[in-house]
PDB file of N, CA and C in Angstrom:
ATOM      1  N   THR A   1     100.989  85.515 161.592  1.00  0.00           N
ATOM      2  CA  THR A   1      99.570  85.219 161.777  1.00  0.00           C
ATOM      3  C   THR A   1      98.722  86.241 161.039  1.00  0.00           C
ATOM      4  N   ASP A   2      97.464  85.918 160.842  1.00  0.00           N
ATOM      5  CA  ASP A   2      96.562  86.837 160.143  1.00  0.00           C
ATOM      6  C   ASP A   2      96.388  88.142 160.894  1.00  0.00           C
ATOM      7  N   ARG A   3      96.265  88.063 162.219  1.00  0.00           N
ATOM      8  CA  ARG A   3      96.093  89.293 163.017  1.00  0.00           C
ATOM      9  C   ARG A   3      97.334  90.165 162.949  1.00  0.00           C
ATOM     10  N   LEU A   4      98.486  89.545 163.046  1.00  0.00           N
ATOM     11  CA  LEU A   4      99.729  90.308 162.983  1.00  0.00           C
ATOM     12  C   LEU A   4      99.890  90.954 161.612  1.00  0.00           C
ATOM     13  N   SER A   5      99.598  90.207 160.568  1.00  0.00           N
ATOM     14  CA  SER A   5      99.687  90.759 159.206  1.00  0.00           C
ATOM     15  C   SER A   5      98.733  91.932 159.021  1.00  0.00           C
ATOM     16  N   ALA A   6      97.522  91.793 159.551  1.00  0.00           N
ATOM     17  CA  ALA A   6      96.537  92.880 159.456  1.00  0.00           C
ATOM     18  C   ALA A   6      97.009  94.102 160.231  1.00  0.00           C
ATOM     19  N   ALA A   7      97.570  93.887 161.408  1.00  0.00           N
ATOM     20  CA  ALA A   7      98.057  95.002 162.212  1.00  0.00           C
ATOM     21  C   ALA A   7      99.187  95.738 161.495  1.00  0.00           C
ATOM     22  N   ILE A   8     100.081  94.987 160.883  1.00  0.00           N
ATOM     23  CA  ILE A   8     101.189  95.599 160.139  1.00  0.00           C
ATOM     24  C   ILE A   8     100.666  96.390 158.944  1.00  0.00           C
ATOM     25  N   ARG A   9      99.718  95.829 158.214  1.00  0.00           N
ATOM     26  CA  ARG A   9      99.119  96.552 157.078  1.00  0.00           C
ATOM     27  C   ARG A   9      98.448  97.841 157.551  1.00  0.00           C
ATOM     28  N   ASN A  10      97.697  97.765 158.648  1.00  0.00           N
ATOM     29  CA  ASN A  10      97.020  98.960 159.172  1.00  0.00           C
ATOM     30  C   ASN A  10      98.028 100.020 159.589  1.00  0.00           C
ATOM     31  N   ARG A  11      99.087  99.594 160.266  1.00  0.00           N
ATOM     32  CA  ARG A  11     100.118 100.559 160.657  1.00  0.00           C
ATOM     33  C   ARG A  11     100.740 101.208 159.436  1.00  0.00           C
ATOM     34  N   ASP A  12     101.102 100.390 158.475  1.00  0.00           N
ATOM     35  CA  ASP A  12     101.776 100.914 157.284  1.00  0.00           C
ATOM     36  C   ASP A  12     100.881 101.859 156.490  1.00  0.00           C
ATOM     37  N   SER A  13      99.609 101.512 156.363  1.00  0.00           N
ATOM     38  CA  SER A  13      98.704 102.369 155.597  1.00  0.00           C
ATOM     39  C   SER A  13      98.369 103.657 156.338  1.00  0.00           C
ATOM     40  N   SER A  14      98.513 103.658 157.656  1.00  0.00           N
ATOM     41  CA  SER A  14      98.223 104.868 158.434  1.00  0.00           C
ATOM     42  C   SER A  14      99.391 105.843 158.443  1.00  0.00           C
ATOM     43  N   GLY A  15     100.568 105.347 158.106  1.00  0.00           N
ATOM     44  CA  GLY A  15     101.752 106.200 158.153  1.00  0.00           C
ATOM     45  C   GLY A  15     102.356 106.317 159.545  1.00  0.00           C
ATOM     46  N   ALA A  16     101.844 105.558 160.505  1.00  0.00           N
ATOM     47  CA  ALA A  16     102.373 105.610 161.874  1.00  0.00           C
ATOM     48  C   ALA A  16     103.821 105.135 161.891  1.00  0.00           C
ATOM     49  N   THR A  17     104.648 105.863 162.626  1.00  0.00           N
ATOM     50  CA  THR A  17     106.058 105.493 162.732  1.00  0.00           C
ATOM     51  C   THR A  17     106.463 105.132 164.161  1.00  0.00           C
ATOM     52  N   ASN A  18     105.517 105.237 165.098  1.00  0.00           N
ATOM     53  CA  ASN A  18     105.837 104.977 166.502  1.00  0.00           C
ATOM     54  C   ASN A  18     105.188 103.684 167.007  1.00  0.00           C
ATOM     55  N   VAL A  19     104.894 102.748 166.103  1.00  0.00           N
ATOM     56  CA  VAL A  19     104.252 101.487 166.465  1.00  0.00           C
ATOM     57  C   VAL A  19     105.098 100.341 165.937  1.00  0.00           C
ATOM     58  N   SER A  20     105.368  99.362 166.799  1.00  0.00           N
ATOM     59  CA  SER A  20     106.076  98.166 166.349  1.00  0.00           C
ATOM     60  C   SER A  20     105.384  96.934 166.927  1.00  0.00           C
ATOM     61  N   PHE A  21     105.633  95.806 166.303  1.00  0.00           N
ATOM     62  CA  PHE A  21     105.012  94.555 166.718  1.00  0.00           C
ATOM     63  C   PHE A  21     106.090  93.509 166.922  1.00  0.00           C
ATOM     64  N   LEU A  22     105.937  92.724 167.969  1.00  0.00           N
ATOM     65  CA  LEU A  22     106.864  91.640 168.253  1.00  0.00           C
ATOM     66  C   LEU A  22     106.069  90.361 168.440  1.00  0.00           C
ATOM     67  N   ASN A  23     106.530  89.283 167.883  1.00  0.00           N
ATOM     68  CA  ASN A  23     105.882  87.992 168.023  1.00  0.00           C
ATOM     69  C   ASN A  23     106.749  87.143 168.944  1.00  0.00           C
ATOM     70  N   MET A  24     106.218  86.752 170.117  1.00  0.00           N
ATOM     71  CA  MET A  24     107.008  85.976 171.076  1.00  0.00           C
ATOM     72  C   MET A  24     106.108  85.070 171.901  1.00  0.00           C
ATOM     73  N   GLU A  25     106.714  84.176 172.624  1.00  0.00           N
ATOM     74  CA  GLU A  25     105.972  83.242 173.467  1.00  0.00           C
ATOM     75  C   GLU A  25     105.310  83.968 174.629  1.00  0.00           C
ATOM     76  N   VAL A  26     104.068  83.606 174.915  1.00  0.00           N
ATOM     77  CA  VAL A  26     103.303  84.273 175.967  1.00  0.00           C
ATOM     78  C   VAL A  26     103.868  83.982 177.360  1.00  0.00           C
ATOM     79  N   ARG A  27     104.489  82.848 177.552  1.00  0.00           N
ATOM     80  CA  ARG A  27     105.005  82.470 178.871  1.00  0.00           C
ATOM     81  C   ARG A  27     106.414  82.981 179.134  1.00  0.00           C
ATOM     82  N   GLN A  28     107.090  83.474 178.104  1.00  0.00           N
ATOM     83  CA  GLN A  28     108.460  83.956 178.293  1.00  0.00           C
ATOM     84  C   GLN A  28     108.751  85.040 177.271  1.00  0.00           C
ATOM     85  N   THR A  29     108.385  86.256 177.593  1.00  0.00           N
ATOM     86  CA  THR A  29     108.608  87.364 176.676  1.00  0.00           C
ATOM     87  C   THR A  29     110.048  87.862 176.789  1.00  0.00           C
ATOM     88  N   ALA A  30     110.452  88.680 175.859  1.00  0.00           N
ATOM     89  CA  ALA A  30     111.822  89.180 175.801  1.00  0.00           C
ATOM     90  C   ALA A  30     112.019  90.473 176.590  1.00  0.00           C
ATOM     91  N   PHE A  31     111.016  90.879 177.357  1.00  0.00           N
ATOM     92  CA  PHE A  31     111.111  92.126 178.113  1.00  0.00           C
ATOM     93  C   PHE A  31     111.705  91.884 179.502  1.00  0.00           C
ATOM     94  N   ARG A  32     112.360  92.906 180.022  1.00  0.00           N
ATOM     95  CA  ARG A  32     112.949  92.822 181.368  1.00  0.00           C
ATOM     96  C   ARG A  32     111.868  92.892 182.439  1.00  0.00           C
ATOM     97  N   ASP A  33     112.169  92.382 183.621  1.00  0.00           N
ATOM     98  CA  ASP A  33     111.274  92.477 184.773  1.00  0.00           C
ATOM     99  C   ASP A  33     110.890  93.942 184.999  1.00  0.00           C
ATOM    100  N   GLY A  34     109.618  94.168 185.331  1.00  0.00           N
ATOM    101  CA  GLY A  34     109.162  95.507 185.662  1.00  0.00           C
ATOM    102  C   GLY A  34     109.215  96.492 184.507  1.00  0.00           C
ATOM    103  N   SER A  35     109.011  96.020 183.303  1.00  0.00           N
ATOM    104  CA  SER A  35     109.121  96.890 182.130  1.00  0.00           C
ATOM    105  C   SER A  35     107.912  97.786 181.890  1.00  0.00           C
ATOM    106  N   PHE A  36     106.746  97.432 182.454  1.00  0.00           N
ATOM    107  CA  PHE A  36     105.523  98.113 182.064  1.00  0.00           C
ATOM    108  C   PHE A  36     104.699  98.609 183.254  1.00  0.00           C
ATOM    109  N   ASP A  37     104.076  99.768 183.055  1.00  0.00           N
ATOM    110  CA  ASP A  37     103.093 100.292 184.004  1.00  0.00           C
ATOM    111  C   ASP A  37     101.730  99.669 183.754  1.00  0.00           C
ATOM    112  N   LEU A  38     101.488  99.221 182.527  1.00  0.00           N
ATOM    113  CA  LEU A  38     100.195  98.672 182.128  1.00  0.00           C
ATOM    114  C   LEU A  38     100.399  97.479 181.213  1.00  0.00           C
ATOM    115  N   VAL A  39      99.683  96.397 181.509  1.00  0.00           N
ATOM    116  CA  VAL A  39      99.603  95.256 180.597  1.00  0.00           C
ATOM    117  C   VAL A  39      98.135  95.090 180.258  1.00  0.00           C
ATOM    118  N   LEU A  40      97.825  95.104 178.969  1.00  0.00           N
ATOM    119  CA  LEU A  40      96.459  95.003 178.476  1.00  0.00           C
ATOM    120  C   LEU A  40      96.350  93.777 177.588  1.00  0.00           C
ATOM    121  N   VAL A  41      95.385  92.906 177.891  1.00  0.00           N
ATOM    122  CA  VAL A  41      95.149  91.699 177.091  1.00  0.00           C
ATOM    123  C   VAL A  41      93.680  91.677 176.709  1.00  0.00           C
ATOM    124  N   LYS A  42      93.412  91.492 175.437  1.00  0.00           N
ATOM    125  CA  LYS A  42      92.027  91.429 174.981  1.00  0.00           C
ATOM    126  C   LYS A  42      91.824  90.154 174.172  1.00  0.00           C
ATOM    127  N   ALA A  43      91.043  89.241 174.729  1.00  0.00           N
ATOM    128  CA  ALA A  43      90.677  87.984 174.057  1.00  0.00           C
ATOM    129  C   ALA A  43      91.897  87.252 173.515  1.00  0.00           C
ATOM    130  N   ALA A  44      92.914  87.079 174.374  1.00  0.00           N
ATOM    131  CA  ALA A  44      94.128  86.372 173.967  1.00  0.00           C
ATOM    132  C   ALA A  44      94.690  85.599 175.156  1.00  0.00           C
ATOM    133  N   ASP A  45      95.527  84.629 174.867  1.00  0.00           N
ATOM    134  CA  ASP A  45      96.178  83.871 175.930  1.00  0.00           C
ATOM    135  C   ASP A  45      97.161  84.755 176.674  1.00  0.00           C
ATOM    136  N   TYR A  46      97.309  84.498 177.956  1.00  0.00           N
ATOM    137  CA  TYR A  46      98.331  85.170 178.748  1.00  0.00           C
ATOM    138  C   TYR A  46      98.720  84.271 179.904  1.00  0.00           C
ATOM    139  N   ASP A  47      99.868  84.534 180.465  1.00  0.00           N
ATOM    140  CA  ASP A  47     100.385  83.798 181.600  1.00  0.00           C
ATOM    141  C   ASP A  47     100.450  84.763 182.786  1.00  0.00           C
ATOM    142  N   VAL A  48      99.723  84.463 183.845  1.00  0.00           N
ATOM    143  CA  VAL A  48      99.636  85.372 184.995  1.00  0.00           C
ATOM    144  C   VAL A  48     101.019  85.650 185.577  1.00  0.00           C
ATOM    145  N   GLY A  49     101.846  84.625 185.701  1.00  0.00           N
ATOM    146  CA  GLY A  49     103.188  84.824 186.239  1.00  0.00           C
ATOM    147  C   GLY A  49     104.014  85.772 185.390  1.00  0.00           C
ATOM    148  N   GLU A  50     103.863  85.685 184.087  1.00  0.00           N
ATOM    149  CA  GLU A  50     104.597  86.581 183.191  1.00  0.00           C
ATOM    150  C   GLU A  50     104.064  88.005 183.301  1.00  0.00           C
ATOM    151  N   VAL A  51     102.757  88.153 183.433  1.00  0.00           N
ATOM    152  CA  VAL A  51     102.173  89.488 183.623  1.00  0.00           C
ATOM    153  C   VAL A  51     102.734  90.123 184.895  1.00  0.00           C
ATOM    154  N   VAL A  52     102.755  89.369 185.985  1.00  0.00           N
ATOM    155  CA  VAL A  52     103.285  89.879 187.256  1.00  0.00           C
ATOM    156  C   VAL A  52     104.753  90.268 187.103  1.00  0.00           C
ATOM    157  N   ARG A  53     105.522  89.452 186.411  1.00  0.00           N
ATOM    158  CA  ARG A  53     106.943  89.741 186.200  1.00  0.00           C
ATOM    159  C   ARG A  53     107.148  91.027 185.402  1.00  0.00           C
ATOM    160  N   LEU A  54     106.297  91.252 184.426  1.00  0.00           N
ATOM    161  CA  LEU A  54     106.456  92.403 183.539  1.00  0.00           C
ATOM    162  C   LEU A  54     106.021  93.723 184.162  1.00  0.00           C
ATOM    163  N   LEU A  55     105.078  93.668 185.103  1.00  0.00           N
ATOM    164  CA  LEU A  55     104.548  94.904 185.684  1.00  0.00           C
ATOM    165  C   LEU A  55     105.505  95.530 186.693  1.00  0.00           C
ATOM    166  N   ARG A  56     105.614  96.845 186.628  1.00  0.00           N
ATOM    167  CA  ARG A  56     106.328  97.592 187.666  1.00  0.00           C
ATOM    168  C   ARG A  56     105.496  97.570 188.942  1.00  0.00           C
ATOM    169  N   PRO A  57     106.099  97.816 190.108  1.00  0.00           N
ATOM    170  CA  PRO A  57     105.295  97.914 191.337  1.00  0.00           C
ATOM    171  C   PRO A  57     104.199  98.966 191.160  1.00  0.00           C
ATOM    172  N   GLY A  58     102.974  98.608 191.513  1.00  0.00           N
ATOM    173  CA  GLY A  58     101.839  99.504 191.342  1.00  0.00           C
ATOM    174  C   GLY A  58     101.254  99.471 189.947  1.00  0.00           C
ATOM    175  N   GLY A  59     101.791  98.614 189.064  1.00  0.00           N
ATOM    176  CA  GLY A  59     101.295  98.523 187.693  1.00  0.00           C
ATOM    177  C   GLY A  59      99.894  97.947 187.636  1.00  0.00           C
ATOM    178  N   VAL A  60      99.269  98.093 186.490  1.00  0.00           N
ATOM    179  CA  VAL A  60      97.869  97.692 186.304  1.00  0.00           C
ATOM    180  C   VAL A  60      97.779  96.642 185.196  1.00  0.00           C
ATOM    181  N   PHE A  61      96.960  95.621 185.441  1.00  0.00           N
ATOM    182  CA  PHE A  61      96.674  94.592 184.439  1.00  0.00           C
ATOM    183  C   PHE A  61      95.201  94.666 184.106  1.00  0.00           C
ATOM    184  N   ILE A  62      94.882  94.795 182.827  1.00  0.00           N
ATOM    185  CA  ILE A  62      93.491  94.847 182.362  1.00  0.00           C
ATOM    186  C   ILE A  62      93.310  93.737 181.340  1.00  0.00           C
ATOM    187  N   THR A  63      92.250  92.946 181.517  1.00  0.00           N
ATOM    188  CA  THR A  63      91.954  91.902 180.551  1.00  0.00           C
ATOM    189  C   THR A  63      90.479  91.946 180.189  1.00  0.00           C
ATOM    190  N   GLY A  64      90.196  91.706 178.946  1.00  0.00           N
ATOM    191  CA  GLY A  64      88.822  91.625 178.457  1.00  0.00           C
ATOM    192  C   GLY A  64      88.651  90.282 177.783  1.00  0.00           C
ATOM    193  N   GLU A  65      88.157  89.331 178.520  1.00  0.00           N
ATOM    194  CA  GLU A  65      88.028  87.970 177.997  1.00  0.00           C
ATOM    195  C   GLU A  65      86.585  87.708 177.568  1.00  0.00           C
ATOM    196  N   ILE A  66      86.429  86.811 176.624  1.00  0.00           N
ATOM    197  CA  ILE A  66      85.121  86.448 176.114  1.00  0.00           C
ATOM    198  C   ILE A  66      84.870  85.002 176.491  1.00  0.00           C
ATOM    199  N   GLY A  67      83.707  84.751 177.114  1.00  0.00           N
ATOM    200  CA  GLY A  67      83.344  83.402 177.517  1.00  0.00           C
ATOM    201  C   GLY A  67      82.628  82.643 176.411  1.00  0.00           C
ATOM    202  N   ASP A  68      82.379  81.362 176.648  1.00  0.00           N
ATOM    203  CA  ASP A  68      81.726  80.502 175.656  1.00  0.00           C
ATOM    204  C   ASP A  68      80.346  81.000 175.269  1.00  0.00           C
ATOM    205  N   HIS A  69      79.645  81.664 176.180  1.00  0.00           N
ATOM    206  CA  HIS A  69      78.254  82.071 175.919  1.00  0.00           C
ATOM    207  C   HIS A  69      78.108  83.560 175.602  1.00  0.00           C
ATOM    208  N   ASP A  70      79.228  84.238 175.351  1.00  0.00           N
ATOM    209  CA  ASP A  70      79.189  85.667 175.028  1.00  0.00           C
ATOM    210  C   ASP A  70      79.029  85.879 173.538  1.00  0.00           C
TER     211      ASP A  70
END
């Protein structure tokens, strides 16, 4: 996708070596249950059940969505 390509170009031009990108289905990611302390979604599709599955107990979910009139 254009966003993924842009992100890869930005990473490569910055010289960052600790950043990777994975392209996968939003409803069934390749991560194990409880893999994350934080899930952050900004103006993108997400599946609530998958977010819950991915979060460790006490984990935090942050979303910044944009409405039709924003």
